[in-house]
Amino acid sequence: MKIDELAAALGCSLVGAEGNIEITGVRGLEQAGPGQLTFLSNPKYAPKLKLTQASAVLAAKPVEGVPTLISTNPYYDYARALGMFYQAPRPAPGIHPSAAIAATAKLGEGASVGAFVAIGENVVIGRNAVLHPHTVIYDGAVIGDDFTAHSHSVVREFCRVGDRVILQNNVVIGGDGFGFAKRADNTHYKIVQSGITVIEDDVEVQSLTSVDRASMGETRVKRGAKIDSLVQVGHNCVVGEDNIICAQTGLAGSSVLEKNVLLAGQVGISGHLTIHEGATIYAQSGIGGDVPAKARMSGSPAFDAGEWLRAITAFQKLPEILRTVRELKKRAEGNEQKS
């Protein structure tokens, strides 16, 4: 694309461009070369602009010596620009001869069904679905338009999936929740997981993540939530709108996350609690109770992130503090003996 066309498509103003430069792709500051666009969203990386070979940069203000697309949100516009230059291959519509599709299943127009896909009885799938090889849709599942399921992903029986949902490889939607009742002899009796999992519109679930079905009722992931790889969402949980849940996080049963909650990597949620709107939980935190709206929590057990930073700073000084206490104790004991 010509740089002025790119600026217009992104709604950015263009500064410092001499002639109509052609842009052929998007790369990072250090990797970008002639003909490529780069971006600056974090000011701490500004020194790297002096070394970039990029033909243009997306930034919040003009960059000296480099044609600049002025953006109010450089990271967002970088993402949009990247999407203009790269589109993942999309299989052509059609059904591979090795796919096993029940006679009662209904597929919308434009569906692409890959090799060895299995679709059960009474399944309903909307328009323009892409089911990559080895995807499995169990009986009675209902799925909306523009659904993408990558290889080895599974939607279990009677679960409901909205529009524009993306399941990356090896995702399981609606696997049994982990529920057992202990008998008198200490053996375990499996509790039937009779509920379903509901995935609302515009949700993406990354590879090797499991969103369990409810024991009764439903587990629900609400509109726009994004769930990273290797996440466990237990039965009867609610993941709120526009949540971000990062890798290796675990939500025990009946956890409720309200809107715009951020869980960083390896967070553990003990279950039967509510994390209120806008809260941020930092990496490796352990949450054992309700979290107030807009709170910032860290540590295990977690508490206010600001206090945690002060505490962890003090923790590193504990050996020095202990030596000081011992010395003061010796002095105090010596003074007592003298007196």
C-alpha atoms as a PDB file:
ATOM      1  CA  MET A   1       0.000   0.000   0.000  1.00  0.00           C
ATOM      2  CA  LYS A   2       1.053   3.585  -0.556  1.00  0.00           C
ATOM      3  CA  ILE A   3       1.725   5.322   2.734  1.00  0.00           C
ATOM      4  CA  ASP A   4      -1.007   7.915   2.200  1.00  0.00           C
ATOM      5  CA  GLU A   5      -3.523   5.138   1.503  1.00  0.00           C
ATOM      6  CA  LEU A   6      -2.455   3.352   4.673  1.00  0.00           C
ATOM      7  CA  ALA A   7      -2.766   6.553   6.720  1.00  0.00           C
ATOM      8  CA  ALA A   8      -6.253   7.151   5.341  1.00  0.00           C
ATOM      9  CA  ALA A   9      -7.328   3.562   6.024  1.00  0.00           C
ATOM     10  CA  LEU A  10      -6.180   3.865   9.642  1.00  0.00           C
ATOM     11  CA  GLY A  11      -7.553   7.385  10.133  1.00  0.00           C
ATOM     12  CA  CYS A  12      -4.073   8.707  10.964  1.00  0.00           C
ATOM     13  CA  SER A  13      -2.482  11.981   9.897  1.00  0.00           C
ATOM     14  CA  LEU A  14       0.773  11.680   7.959  1.00  0.00           C
ATOM     15  CA  VAL A  15       3.827  13.801   8.815  1.00  0.00           C
ATOM     16  CA  GLY A  16       7.260  13.983   7.178  1.00  0.00           C
ATOM     17  CA  ALA A  17       6.612  11.787   4.154  1.00  0.00           C
ATOM     18  CA  GLU A  18       8.533  12.799   1.033  1.00  0.00           C
ATOM     19  CA  GLY A  19       6.873  11.288  -1.992  1.00  0.00           C
ATOM     20  CA  ASN A  20       4.389   8.446  -1.945  1.00  0.00           C
ATOM     21  CA  ILE A  21       6.312   5.696  -0.126  1.00  0.00           C
ATOM     22  CA  GLU A  22       5.178   2.125  -0.699  1.00  0.00           C
ATOM     23  CA  ILE A  23       4.664   0.019   2.439  1.00  0.00           C
ATOM     24  CA  THR A  24       4.951  -3.743   2.013  1.00  0.00           C
ATOM     25  CA  GLY A  25       4.562  -4.996   5.577  1.00  0.00           C
ATOM     26  CA  VAL A  26       4.708  -4.349   9.328  1.00  0.00           C
ATOM     27  CA  ARG A  27       7.618  -5.286  11.636  1.00  0.00           C
ATOM     28  CA  GLY A  28       8.970  -4.428  15.068  1.00  0.00           C
ATOM     29  CA  LEU A  29      11.366  -1.540  15.671  1.00  0.00           C
ATOM     30  CA  GLU A  30      14.517  -3.647  15.481  1.00  0.00           C
ATOM     31  CA  GLN A  31      13.433  -5.959  12.662  1.00  0.00           C
ATOM     32  CA  ALA A  32      11.802  -3.455  10.281  1.00  0.00           C
ATOM     33  CA  GLY A  33      13.583  -2.627   7.037  1.00  0.00           C
ATOM     34  CA  PRO A  34      13.023  -0.405   4.021  1.00  0.00           C
ATOM     35  CA  GLY A  35       9.445  -0.507   2.786  1.00  0.00           C
ATOM     36  CA  GLN A  36       8.096  -1.598   6.161  1.00  0.00           C
ATOM     37  CA  LEU A  37       6.039   0.137   8.841  1.00  0.00           C
ATOM     38  CA  THR A  38       6.955  -0.083  12.521  1.00  0.00           C
ATOM     39  CA  PHE A  39       5.299   1.342  15.628  1.00  0.00           C
ATOM     40  CA  LEU A  40       6.091   3.020  18.937  1.00  0.00           C
ATOM     41  CA  SER A  41       3.496   2.530  21.663  1.00  0.00           C
ATOM     42  CA  ASN A  42       5.754   2.547  24.739  1.00  0.00           C
ATOM     43  CA  PRO A  43       7.992   5.630  25.212  1.00  0.00           C
ATOM     44  CA  LYS A  44      10.745   3.554  26.847  1.00  0.00           C
ATOM     45  CA  TYR A  45      11.516   2.052  23.423  1.00  0.00           C
ATOM     46  CA  ALA A  46      11.933   5.475  21.784  1.00  0.00           C
ATOM     47  CA  PRO A  47      15.777   5.241  21.685  1.00  0.00           C
ATOM     48  CA  LYS A  48      15.485   2.263  19.327  1.00  0.00           C
ATOM     49  CA  LEU A  49      13.947   4.558  16.712  1.00  0.00           C
ATOM     50  CA  LYS A  50      17.406   5.970  16.062  1.00  0.00           C
ATOM     51  CA  LEU A  51      18.485   2.580  14.701  1.00  0.00           C
ATOM     52  CA  THR A  52      15.350   1.481  12.869  1.00  0.00           C
ATOM     53  CA  GLN A  53      15.492   0.994   9.112  1.00  0.00           C
ATOM     54  CA  ALA A  54      11.718   1.260   8.749  1.00  0.00           C
ATOM     55  CA  SER A  55      10.285   3.513   6.063  1.00  0.00           C
ATOM     56  CA  ALA A  56       7.569   4.817   8.419  1.00  0.00           C
ATOM     57  CA  VAL A  57       6.448   4.623  12.028  1.00  0.00           C
ATOM     58  CA  LEU A  58       3.131   4.671  13.849  1.00  0.00           C
ATOM     59  CA  ALA A  59       3.449   6.911  16.911  1.00  0.00           C
ATOM     60  CA  ALA A  60       1.546   9.342  19.098  1.00  0.00           C
ATOM     61  CA  LYS A  61       3.669  12.306  17.960  1.00  0.00           C
ATOM     62  CA  PRO A  62       6.047  13.052  15.060  1.00  0.00           C
ATOM     63  CA  VAL A  63       9.370  11.202  15.005  1.00  0.00           C
ATOM     64  CA  GLU A  64      12.308  13.192  13.702  1.00  0.00           C
ATOM     65  CA  GLY A  65      13.751  11.837  10.481  1.00  0.00           C
ATOM     66  CA  VAL A  66      11.086   9.155   9.930  1.00  0.00           C
ATOM     67  CA  PRO A  67       7.721   9.582   8.170  1.00  0.00           C
ATOM     68  CA  THR A  68       5.162   9.271  10.948  1.00  0.00           C
ATOM     69  CA  LEU A  69       1.541   8.175  11.006  1.00  0.00           C
ATOM     70  CA  ILE A  70       0.168  10.102  13.983  1.00  0.00           C
ATOM     71  CA  SER A  71      -2.166   7.893  16.015  1.00  0.00           C
ATOM     72  CA  THR A  72      -4.095   8.373  19.241  1.00  0.00           C
ATOM     73  CA  ASN A  73      -3.623   4.645  19.913  1.00  0.00           C
ATOM     74  CA  PRO A  74      -0.481   3.359  18.161  1.00  0.00           C
ATOM     75  CA  TYR A  75      -0.729  -0.212  19.436  1.00  0.00           C
ATOM     76  CA  TYR A  76      -4.324  -0.580  18.257  1.00  0.00           C
ATOM     77  CA  ASP A  77      -3.527   0.939  14.870  1.00  0.00           C
ATOM     78  CA  TYR A  78      -0.467  -1.306  14.556  1.00  0.00           C
ATOM     79  CA  ALA A  79      -2.778  -4.294  15.073  1.00  0.00           C
ATOM     80  CA  ARG A  80      -5.142  -3.003  12.395  1.00  0.00           C
ATOM     81  CA  ALA A  81      -2.266  -2.373   9.971  1.00  0.00           C
ATOM     82  CA  LEU A  82      -0.896  -5.868  10.560  1.00  0.00           C
ATOM     83  CA  GLY A  83      -4.294  -7.279   9.658  1.00  0.00           C
ATOM     84  CA  MET A  84      -4.175  -5.423   6.333  1.00  0.00           C
ATOM     85  CA  PHE A  85      -0.899  -7.070   5.348  1.00  0.00           C
ATOM     86  CA  TYR A  86      -1.422 -10.590   6.697  1.00  0.00           C
ATOM     87  CA  GLN A  87      -4.472 -12.809   6.553  1.00  0.00           C
ATOM     88  CA  ALA A  88      -4.259 -16.415   7.720  1.00  0.00           C
ATOM     89  CA  PRO A  89      -5.123 -18.909   4.980  1.00  0.00           C
ATOM     90  CA  ARG A  90      -8.839 -19.680   4.937  1.00  0.00           C
ATOM     91  CA  PRO A  91      -9.970 -23.038   3.571  1.00  0.00           C
ATOM     92  CA  ALA A  92     -12.406 -22.894   0.680  1.00  0.00           C
ATOM     93  CA  PRO A  93     -16.047 -23.661   1.481  1.00  0.00           C
ATOM     94  CA  GLY A  94     -16.933 -27.311   1.197  1.00  0.00           C
ATOM     95  CA  ILE A  95     -16.998 -30.579   3.099  1.00  0.00           C
ATOM     96  CA  HIS A  96     -14.070 -32.982   3.014  1.00  0.00           C
ATOM     97  CA  PRO A  97     -15.149 -36.498   2.041  1.00  0.00           C
ATOM     98  CA  SER A  98     -13.691 -37.960   5.258  1.00  0.00           C
ATOM     99  CA  ALA A  99     -15.849 -35.744   7.505  1.00  0.00           C
ATOM    100  CA  ALA A 100     -18.568 -37.553   9.487  1.00  0.00           C
ATOM    101  CA  ILE A 101     -21.680 -35.366   9.683  1.00  0.00           C
ATOM    102  CA  ALA A 102     -24.934 -36.618  11.199  1.00  0.00           C
ATOM    103  CA  ALA A 103     -27.970 -36.463   8.950  1.00  0.00           C
ATOM    104  CA  THR A 104     -29.795 -34.252  11.476  1.00  0.00           C
ATOM    105  CA  ALA A 105     -26.986 -31.656  11.688  1.00  0.00           C
ATOM    106  CA  LYS A 106     -27.539 -28.274  10.027  1.00  0.00           C
ATOM    107  CA  LEU A 107     -24.658 -26.222   8.622  1.00  0.00           C
ATOM    108  CA  GLY A 108     -25.081 -22.667   7.375  1.00  0.00           C
ATOM    109  CA  GLU A 109     -23.932 -21.534   3.961  1.00  0.00           C
ATOM    110  CA  GLY A 110     -20.237 -20.995   3.329  1.00  0.00           C
ATOM    111  CA  ALA A 111     -19.073 -23.670   5.784  1.00  0.00           C
ATOM    112  CA  SER A 112     -15.635 -25.238   5.397  1.00  0.00           C
ATOM    113  CA  VAL A 113     -15.405 -28.666   7.043  1.00  0.00           C
ATOM    114  CA  GLY A 114     -11.957 -30.261   7.061  1.00  0.00           C
ATOM    115  CA  ALA A 115     -10.714 -33.825   7.048  1.00  0.00           C
ATOM    116  CA  PHE A 116     -11.892 -36.186   9.809  1.00  0.00           C
ATOM    117  CA  VAL A 117     -14.228 -33.630  11.375  1.00  0.00           C
ATOM    118  CA  ALA A 118     -17.089 -35.209  13.350  1.00  0.00           C
ATOM    119  CA  ILE A 119     -20.419 -33.400  13.794  1.00  0.00           C
ATOM    120  CA  GLY A 120     -23.088 -35.071  15.924  1.00  0.00           C
ATOM    121  CA  GLU A 121     -26.839 -35.353  15.817  1.00  0.00           C
ATOM    122  CA  ASN A 122     -29.000 -32.199  15.905  1.00  0.00           C
ATOM    123  CA  VAL A 123     -26.021 -29.852  15.786  1.00  0.00           C
ATOM    124  CA  VAL A 124     -26.726 -26.384  14.390  1.00  0.00           C
ATOM    125  CA  ILE A 125     -23.842 -24.285  13.019  1.00  0.00           C
ATOM    126  CA  GLY A 126     -24.293 -20.836  11.470  1.00  0.00           C
ATOM    127  CA  ARG A 127     -22.871 -19.284   8.315  1.00  0.00           C
ATOM    128  CA  ASN A 128     -19.218 -19.187   7.261  1.00  0.00           C
ATOM    129  CA  ALA A 129     -17.936 -21.676   9.826  1.00  0.00           C
ATOM    130  CA  VAL A 130     -14.412 -23.050   9.474  1.00  0.00           C
ATOM    131  CA  LEU A 131     -13.845 -26.430  11.121  1.00  0.00           C
ATOM    132  CA  HIS A 132     -10.256 -27.497  10.685  1.00  0.00           C
ATOM    133  CA  PRO A 133      -9.288 -31.193  10.565  1.00  0.00           C
ATOM    134  CA  HIS A 134     -10.140 -33.370  13.571  1.00  0.00           C
ATOM    135  CA  THR A 135     -12.568 -30.892  15.123  1.00  0.00           C
ATOM    136  CA  VAL A 136     -15.379 -32.630  17.024  1.00  0.00           C
ATOM    137  CA  ILE A 137     -18.836 -31.168  17.694  1.00  0.00           C
ATOM    138  CA  TYR A 138     -20.963 -33.338  19.990  1.00  0.00           C
ATOM    139  CA  ASP A 139     -24.715 -33.917  19.725  1.00  0.00           C
ATOM    140  CA  GLY A 140     -27.050 -30.993  20.251  1.00  0.00           C
ATOM    141  CA  ALA A 141     -24.457 -28.205  20.199  1.00  0.00           C
ATOM    142  CA  VAL A 142     -25.670 -24.876  18.802  1.00  0.00           C
ATOM    143  CA  ILE A 143     -23.065 -22.569  17.260  1.00  0.00           C
ATOM    144  CA  GLY A 144     -23.422 -19.124  15.665  1.00  0.00           C
ATOM    145  CA  ASP A 145     -22.016 -17.456  12.554  1.00  0.00           C
ATOM    146  CA  ASP A 146     -18.349 -17.038  11.603  1.00  0.00           C
ATOM    147  CA  PHE A 147     -17.170 -19.762  13.955  1.00  0.00           C
ATOM    148  CA  THR A 148     -13.559 -20.941  13.689  1.00  0.00           C
ATOM    149  CA  ALA A 149     -12.434 -24.188  15.313  1.00  0.00           C
ATOM    150  CA  HIS A 150      -8.799 -25.194  14.902  1.00  0.00           C
ATOM    151  CA  SER A 151      -7.636 -28.796  14.815  1.00  0.00           C
ATOM    152  CA  HIS A 152      -8.539 -31.053  17.729  1.00  0.00           C
ATOM    153  CA  SER A 153     -10.855 -28.539  19.373  1.00  0.00           C
ATOM    154  CA  VAL A 154     -14.067 -29.936  20.865  1.00  0.00           C
ATOM    155  CA  VAL A 155     -17.509 -28.536  21.622  1.00  0.00           C
ATOM    156  CA  ARG A 156     -19.350 -30.973  23.865  1.00  0.00           C
ATOM    157  CA  GLU A 157     -23.012 -31.969  23.946  1.00  0.00           C
ATOM    158  CA  PHE A 158     -25.711 -29.272  24.124  1.00  0.00           C
ATOM    159  CA  CYS A 159     -23.240 -26.422  24.619  1.00  0.00           C
ATOM    160  CA  ARG A 160     -23.985 -23.059  23.019  1.00  0.00           C
ATOM    161  CA  VAL A 161     -21.468 -20.911  21.181  1.00  0.00           C
ATOM    162  CA  GLY A 162     -22.135 -17.411  19.829  1.00  0.00           C
ATOM    163  CA  ASP A 163     -21.010 -15.523  16.741  1.00  0.00           C
ATOM    164  CA  ARG A 164     -17.395 -14.863  15.742  1.00  0.00           C
ATOM    165  CA  VAL A 165     -15.960 -17.269  18.301  1.00  0.00           C
ATOM    166  CA  ILE A 166     -12.455 -18.638  17.762  1.00  0.00           C
ATOM    167  CA  LEU A 167     -11.239 -21.848  19.384  1.00  0.00           C
ATOM    168  CA  GLN A 168      -7.538 -22.506  18.997  1.00  0.00           C
ATOM    169  CA  ASN A 169      -6.036 -25.991  18.887  1.00  0.00           C
ATOM    170  CA  ASN A 170      -7.049 -28.542  21.526  1.00  0.00           C
ATOM    171  CA  VAL A 171      -9.613 -26.363  23.277  1.00  0.00           C
ATOM    172  CA  VAL A 172     -12.380 -28.246  25.085  1.00  0.00           C
ATOM    173  CA  ILE A 173     -15.686 -26.454  25.583  1.00  0.00           C
ATOM    174  CA  GLY A 174     -18.025 -28.258  27.949  1.00  0.00           C
ATOM    175  CA  GLY A 175     -15.893 -31.074  29.293  1.00  0.00           C
ATOM    176  CA  ASP A 176     -17.175 -32.514  32.573  1.00  0.00           C
ATOM    177  CA  GLY A 177     -16.686 -30.367  35.635  1.00  0.00           C
ATOM    178  CA  PHE A 178     -14.568 -31.861  38.406  1.00  0.00           C
ATOM    179  CA  GLY A 179     -17.229 -32.968  40.874  1.00  0.00           C
ATOM    180  CA  PHE A 180     -17.242 -36.003  43.167  1.00  0.00           C
ATOM    181  CA  ALA A 181     -19.051 -36.960  46.376  1.00  0.00           C
ATOM    182  CA  LYS A 182     -17.182 -39.007  48.957  1.00  0.00           C
ATOM    183  CA  ARG A 183     -18.787 -42.257  50.093  1.00  0.00           C
ATOM    184  CA  ALA A 184     -18.549 -43.620  53.613  1.00  0.00           C
ATOM    185  CA  ASP A 185     -15.636 -45.831  52.566  1.00  0.00           C
ATOM    186  CA  ASN A 186     -13.748 -42.756  51.225  1.00  0.00           C
ATOM    187  CA  THR A 187     -14.212 -43.741  47.597  1.00  0.00           C
ATOM    188  CA  HIS A 188     -15.497 -41.112  45.163  1.00  0.00           C
ATOM    189  CA  TYR A 189     -18.882 -41.025  43.464  1.00  0.00           C
ATOM    190  CA  LYS A 190     -18.984 -39.000  40.229  1.00  0.00           C
ATOM    191  CA  ILE A 191     -21.523 -36.166  40.256  1.00  0.00           C
ATOM    192  CA  VAL A 192     -23.243 -36.037  36.888  1.00  0.00           C
ATOM    193  CA  GLN A 193     -22.362 -32.770  35.163  1.00  0.00           C
ATOM    194  CA  SER A 194     -25.825 -32.085  33.804  1.00  0.00           C
ATOM    195  CA  GLY A 195     -25.360 -28.437  32.826  1.00  0.00           C
ATOM    196  CA  ILE A 196     -23.782 -26.809  29.783  1.00  0.00           C
ATOM    197  CA  THR A 197     -21.151 -24.269  28.802  1.00  0.00           C
ATOM    198  CA  VAL A 198     -22.219 -21.065  27.041  1.00  0.00           C
ATOM    199  CA  ILE A 199     -19.684 -19.057  25.033  1.00  0.00           C
ATOM    200  CA  GLU A 200     -21.015 -15.660  23.992  1.00  0.00           C
ATOM    201  CA  ASP A 201     -20.102 -13.582  20.914  1.00  0.00           C
ATOM    202  CA  ASP A 202     -16.563 -12.462  20.055  1.00  0.00           C
ATOM    203  CA  VAL A 203     -14.813 -14.768  22.512  1.00  0.00           C
ATOM    204  CA  GLU A 204     -11.429 -16.295  21.711  1.00  0.00           C
ATOM    205  CA  VAL A 205     -10.023 -19.267  23.611  1.00  0.00           C
ATOM    206  CA  GLN A 206      -6.364 -20.150  23.112  1.00  0.00           C
ATOM    207  CA  SER A 207      -4.754 -23.581  22.806  1.00  0.00           C
ATOM    208  CA  LEU A 208      -5.078 -26.350  25.412  1.00  0.00           C
ATOM    209  CA  THR A 209      -7.670 -24.526  27.513  1.00  0.00           C
ATOM    210  CA  SER A 210     -10.711 -26.170  29.098  1.00  0.00           C
ATOM    211  CA  VAL A 211     -13.996 -24.479  29.968  1.00  0.00           C
ATOM    212  CA  ASP A 212     -15.951 -27.059  31.961  1.00  0.00           C
ATOM    213  CA  ARG A 213     -19.690 -27.628  31.775  1.00  0.00           C
ATOM    214  CA  ALA A 214     -21.790 -26.922  34.867  1.00  0.00           C
ATOM    215  CA  SER A 215     -22.888 -29.542  37.340  1.00  0.00           C
ATOM    216  CA  MET A 216     -26.324 -27.866  37.086  1.00  0.00           C
ATOM    217  CA  GLY A 217     -27.214 -24.785  35.086  1.00  0.00           C
ATOM    218  CA  GLU A 218     -24.389 -23.294  33.050  1.00  0.00           C
ATOM    219  CA  THR A 219     -20.810 -22.142  32.904  1.00  0.00           C
ATOM    220  CA  ARG A 220     -20.728 -18.871  30.935  1.00  0.00           C
ATOM    221  CA  VAL A 221     -18.005 -16.910  29.166  1.00  0.00           C
ATOM    222  CA  LYS A 222     -19.440 -13.517  28.292  1.00  0.00           C
ATOM    223  CA  ARG A 223     -19.037 -11.350  25.213  1.00  0.00           C
ATOM    224  CA  GLY A 224     -15.560 -10.321  24.168  1.00  0.00           C
ATOM    225  CA  ALA A 225     -13.629 -12.266  26.793  1.00  0.00           C
ATOM    226  CA  LYS A 226     -10.188 -13.519  25.749  1.00  0.00           C
ATOM    227  CA  ILE A 227      -8.789 -16.628  27.448  1.00  0.00           C
ATOM    228  CA  ASP A 228      -5.143 -17.589  26.976  1.00  0.00           C
ATOM    229  CA  SER A 229      -3.548 -21.036  26.649  1.00  0.00           C
ATOM    230  CA  LEU A 230      -3.474 -23.625  29.445  1.00  0.00           C
ATOM    231  CA  VAL A 231      -6.309 -22.044  31.427  1.00  0.00           C
ATOM    232  CA  GLN A 232      -8.812 -24.051  33.457  1.00  0.00           C
ATOM    233  CA  VAL A 233     -12.295 -22.572  33.926  1.00  0.00           C
ATOM    234  CA  GLY A 234     -14.159 -24.761  36.389  1.00  0.00           C
ATOM    235  CA  HIS A 235     -17.828 -25.699  36.437  1.00  0.00           C
ATOM    236  CA  ASN A 236     -20.475 -23.003  37.017  1.00  0.00           C
ATOM    237  CA  CYS A 237     -17.969 -20.164  36.628  1.00  0.00           C
ATOM    238  CA  VAL A 238     -18.883 -16.855  34.999  1.00  0.00           C
ATOM    239  CA  VAL A 239     -16.178 -15.052  33.017  1.00  0.00           C
ATOM    240  CA  GLY A 240     -17.289 -11.454  32.478  1.00  0.00           C
ATOM    241  CA  GLU A 241     -17.399  -9.256  29.396  1.00  0.00           C
ATOM    242  CA  ASP A 242     -14.013  -8.224  27.966  1.00  0.00           C
ATOM    243  CA  ASN A 243     -12.058 -10.173  30.564  1.00  0.00           C
ATOM    244  CA  ILE A 244      -8.428 -11.019  29.866  1.00  0.00           C
ATOM    245  CA  ILE A 245      -7.296 -14.291  31.457  1.00  0.00           C
ATOM    246  CA  CYS A 246      -3.628 -15.099  30.890  1.00  0.00           C
ATOM    247  CA  ALA A 247      -1.857 -18.448  30.659  1.00  0.00           C
ATOM    248  CA  GLN A 248      -1.832 -21.125  33.368  1.00  0.00           C
ATOM    249  CA  THR A 249      -4.608 -19.494  35.372  1.00  0.00           C
ATOM    250  CA  GLY A 250      -7.115 -21.686  37.182  1.00  0.00           C
ATOM    251  CA  LEU A 251     -10.666 -20.789  38.239  1.00  0.00           C
ATOM    252  CA  ALA A 252     -12.213 -23.177  40.728  1.00  0.00           C
ATOM    253  CA  GLY A 253     -15.933 -23.866  40.503  1.00  0.00           C
ATOM    254  CA  SER A 254     -18.509 -21.072  40.839  1.00  0.00           C
ATOM    255  CA  SER A 255     -15.991 -18.238  40.523  1.00  0.00           C
ATOM    256  CA  VAL A 256     -17.651 -15.080  39.174  1.00  0.00           C
ATOM    257  CA  LEU A 257     -15.634 -12.481  37.274  1.00  0.00           C
ATOM    258  CA  GLU A 258     -17.404  -9.243  36.428  1.00  0.00           C
ATOM    259  CA  LYS A 259     -16.618  -6.958  33.456  1.00  0.00           C
ATOM    260  CA  ASN A 260     -13.081  -5.938  32.436  1.00  0.00           C
ATOM    261  CA  VAL A 261     -11.230  -8.137  34.922  1.00  0.00           C
ATOM    262  CA  LEU A 262      -7.580  -8.886  34.145  1.00  0.00           C
ATOM    263  CA  LEU A 263      -5.960 -12.044  35.502  1.00  0.00           C
ATOM    264  CA  ALA A 264      -2.238 -12.249  34.752  1.00  0.00           C
ATOM    265  CA  GLY A 265      -0.405 -15.560  34.336  1.00  0.00           C
ATOM    266  CA  GLN A 266      -0.611 -18.372  36.900  1.00  0.00           C
ATOM    267  CA  VAL A 267      -3.331 -16.783  39.015  1.00  0.00           C
ATOM    268  CA  GLY A 268      -5.277 -19.184  41.209  1.00  0.00           C
ATOM    269  CA  ILE A 269      -8.924 -18.513  42.144  1.00  0.00           C
ATOM    270  CA  SER A 270     -10.252 -20.622  45.004  1.00  0.00           C
ATOM    271  CA  GLY A 271     -13.893 -20.601  43.870  1.00  0.00           C
ATOM    272  CA  HIS A 272     -17.298 -19.485  45.193  1.00  0.00           C
ATOM    273  CA  LEU A 273     -16.189 -15.854  45.154  1.00  0.00           C
ATOM    274  CA  THR A 274     -16.630 -12.706  43.058  1.00  0.00           C
ATOM    275  CA  ILE A 275     -13.949 -10.563  41.463  1.00  0.00           C
ATOM    276  CA  HIS A 276     -15.686  -7.274  40.826  1.00  0.00           C
ATOM    277  CA  GLU A 277     -15.542  -5.048  37.754  1.00  0.00           C
ATOM    278  CA  GLY A 278     -12.235  -3.617  36.592  1.00  0.00           C
ATOM    279  CA  ALA A 279     -10.031  -5.519  39.057  1.00  0.00           C
ATOM    280  CA  THR A 280      -6.449  -6.458  38.130  1.00  0.00           C
ATOM    281  CA  ILE A 281      -4.825  -9.555  39.607  1.00  0.00           C
ATOM    282  CA  TYR A 282      -1.075  -9.779  39.048  1.00  0.00           C
ATOM    283  CA  ALA A 283       0.879 -12.905  38.118  1.00  0.00           C
ATOM    284  CA  GLN A 284       1.090 -15.874  40.506  1.00  0.00           C
ATOM    285  CA  SER A 285      -1.453 -14.394  42.901  1.00  0.00           C
ATOM    286  CA  GLY A 286      -3.728 -16.583  44.989  1.00  0.00           C
ATOM    287  CA  ILE A 287      -7.270 -15.270  45.454  1.00  0.00           C
ATOM    288  CA  GLY A 288      -9.211 -16.686  48.382  1.00  0.00           C
ATOM    289  CA  GLY A 289     -12.037 -14.175  48.776  1.00  0.00           C
ATOM    290  CA  ASP A 290     -14.046 -11.488  47.017  1.00  0.00           C
ATOM    291  CA  VAL A 291     -12.096  -8.711  45.303  1.00  0.00           C
ATOM    292  CA  PRO A 292     -13.486  -5.135  45.218  1.00  0.00           C
ATOM    293  CA  ALA A 293     -14.088  -3.252  41.979  1.00  0.00           C
ATOM    294  CA  LYS A 294     -10.945  -1.749  40.387  1.00  0.00           C
ATOM    295  CA  ALA A 295      -8.699  -3.327  43.009  1.00  0.00           C
ATOM    296  CA  ARG A 296      -5.096  -4.228  42.182  1.00  0.00           C
ATOM    297  CA  MET A 297      -4.053  -7.414  43.960  1.00  0.00           C
ATOM    298  CA  SER A 298      -0.814  -9.340  44.186  1.00  0.00           C
ATOM    299  CA  GLY A 299       0.780 -12.118  46.215  1.00  0.00           C
ATOM    300  CA  SER A 300      -0.399 -15.418  47.648  1.00  0.00           C
ATOM    301  CA  PRO A 301      -2.550 -14.958  49.598  1.00  0.00           C
ATOM    302  CA  ALA A 302      -3.221 -11.810  47.590  1.00  0.00           C
ATOM    303  CA  PHE A 303      -3.608  -8.326  49.023  1.00  0.00           C
ATOM    304  CA  ASP A 304      -3.337  -4.760  47.708  1.00  0.00           C
ATOM    305  CA  ALA A 305      -0.608  -4.607  45.065  1.00  0.00           C
ATOM    306  CA  GLY A 306       0.861  -1.350  46.411  1.00  0.00           C
ATOM    307  CA  GLU A 307       1.203  -2.823  49.888  1.00  0.00           C
ATOM    308  CA  TRP A 308       2.557  -6.042  48.368  1.00  0.00           C
ATOM    309  CA  LEU A 309       5.358  -4.108  46.644  1.00  0.00           C
ATOM    310  CA  ARG A 310       6.355  -2.523  49.938  1.00  0.00           C
ATOM    311  CA  ALA A 311       6.129  -5.873  51.715  1.00  0.00           C
ATOM    312  CA  ILE A 312       8.239  -7.707  49.127  1.00  0.00           C
ATOM    313  CA  THR A 313      10.859  -4.961  49.327  1.00  0.00           C
ATOM    314  CA  ALA A 314      10.964  -5.397  53.110  1.00  0.00           C
ATOM    315  CA  PHE A 315      11.062  -9.185  52.738  1.00  0.00           C
ATOM    316  CA  GLN A 316      14.338  -8.986  50.820  1.00  0.00           C
ATOM    317  CA  LYS A 317      15.827  -7.023  53.722  1.00  0.00           C
ATOM    318  CA  LEU A 318      14.755  -9.525  56.394  1.00  0.00           C
ATOM    319  CA  PRO A 319      18.259 -11.079  56.848  1.00  0.00           C
ATOM    320  CA  GLU A 320      19.716  -7.621  57.451  1.00  0.00           C
ATOM    321  CA  ILE A 321      16.853  -6.710  59.781  1.00  0.00           C
ATOM    322  CA  LEU A 322      17.310  -9.980  61.679  1.00  0.00           C
ATOM    323  CA  ARG A 323      21.033  -9.267  62.192  1.00  0.00           C
ATOM    324  CA  THR A 324      20.201  -5.798  63.468  1.00  0.00           C
ATOM    325  CA  VAL A 325      17.603  -7.186  65.912  1.00  0.00           C
ATOM    326  CA  ARG A 326      20.110  -9.732  67.235  1.00  0.00           C
ATOM    327  CA  GLU A 327      22.740  -7.051  67.758  1.00  0.00           C
ATOM    328  CA  LEU A 328      20.252  -4.812  69.558  1.00  0.00           C
ATOM    329  CA  LYS A 329      19.169  -7.764  71.703  1.00  0.00           C
ATOM    330  CA  LYS A 330      22.793  -8.468  72.708  1.00  0.00           C
ATOM    331  CA  ARG A 331      23.320  -4.817  73.596  1.00  0.00           C
ATOM    332  CA  ALA A 332      20.113  -4.757  75.635  1.00  0.00           C
ATOM    333  CA  GLU A 333      21.097  -7.915  77.498  1.00  0.00           C
ATOM    334  CA  GLY A 334      24.584  -6.479  78.160  1.00  0.00           C
ATOM    335  CA  ASN A 335      23.101  -3.274  79.561  1.00  0.00           C
ATOM    336  CA  GLU A 336      20.801  -5.287  81.831  1.00  0.00           C
ATOM    337  CA  GLN A 337      23.782  -7.230  83.234  1.00  0.00           C
ATOM    338  CA  LYS A 338      25.732  -4.020  83.895  1.00  0.00           C
ATOM    339  CA  SER A 339      22.800  -2.504  85.728  1.00  0.00           C
END
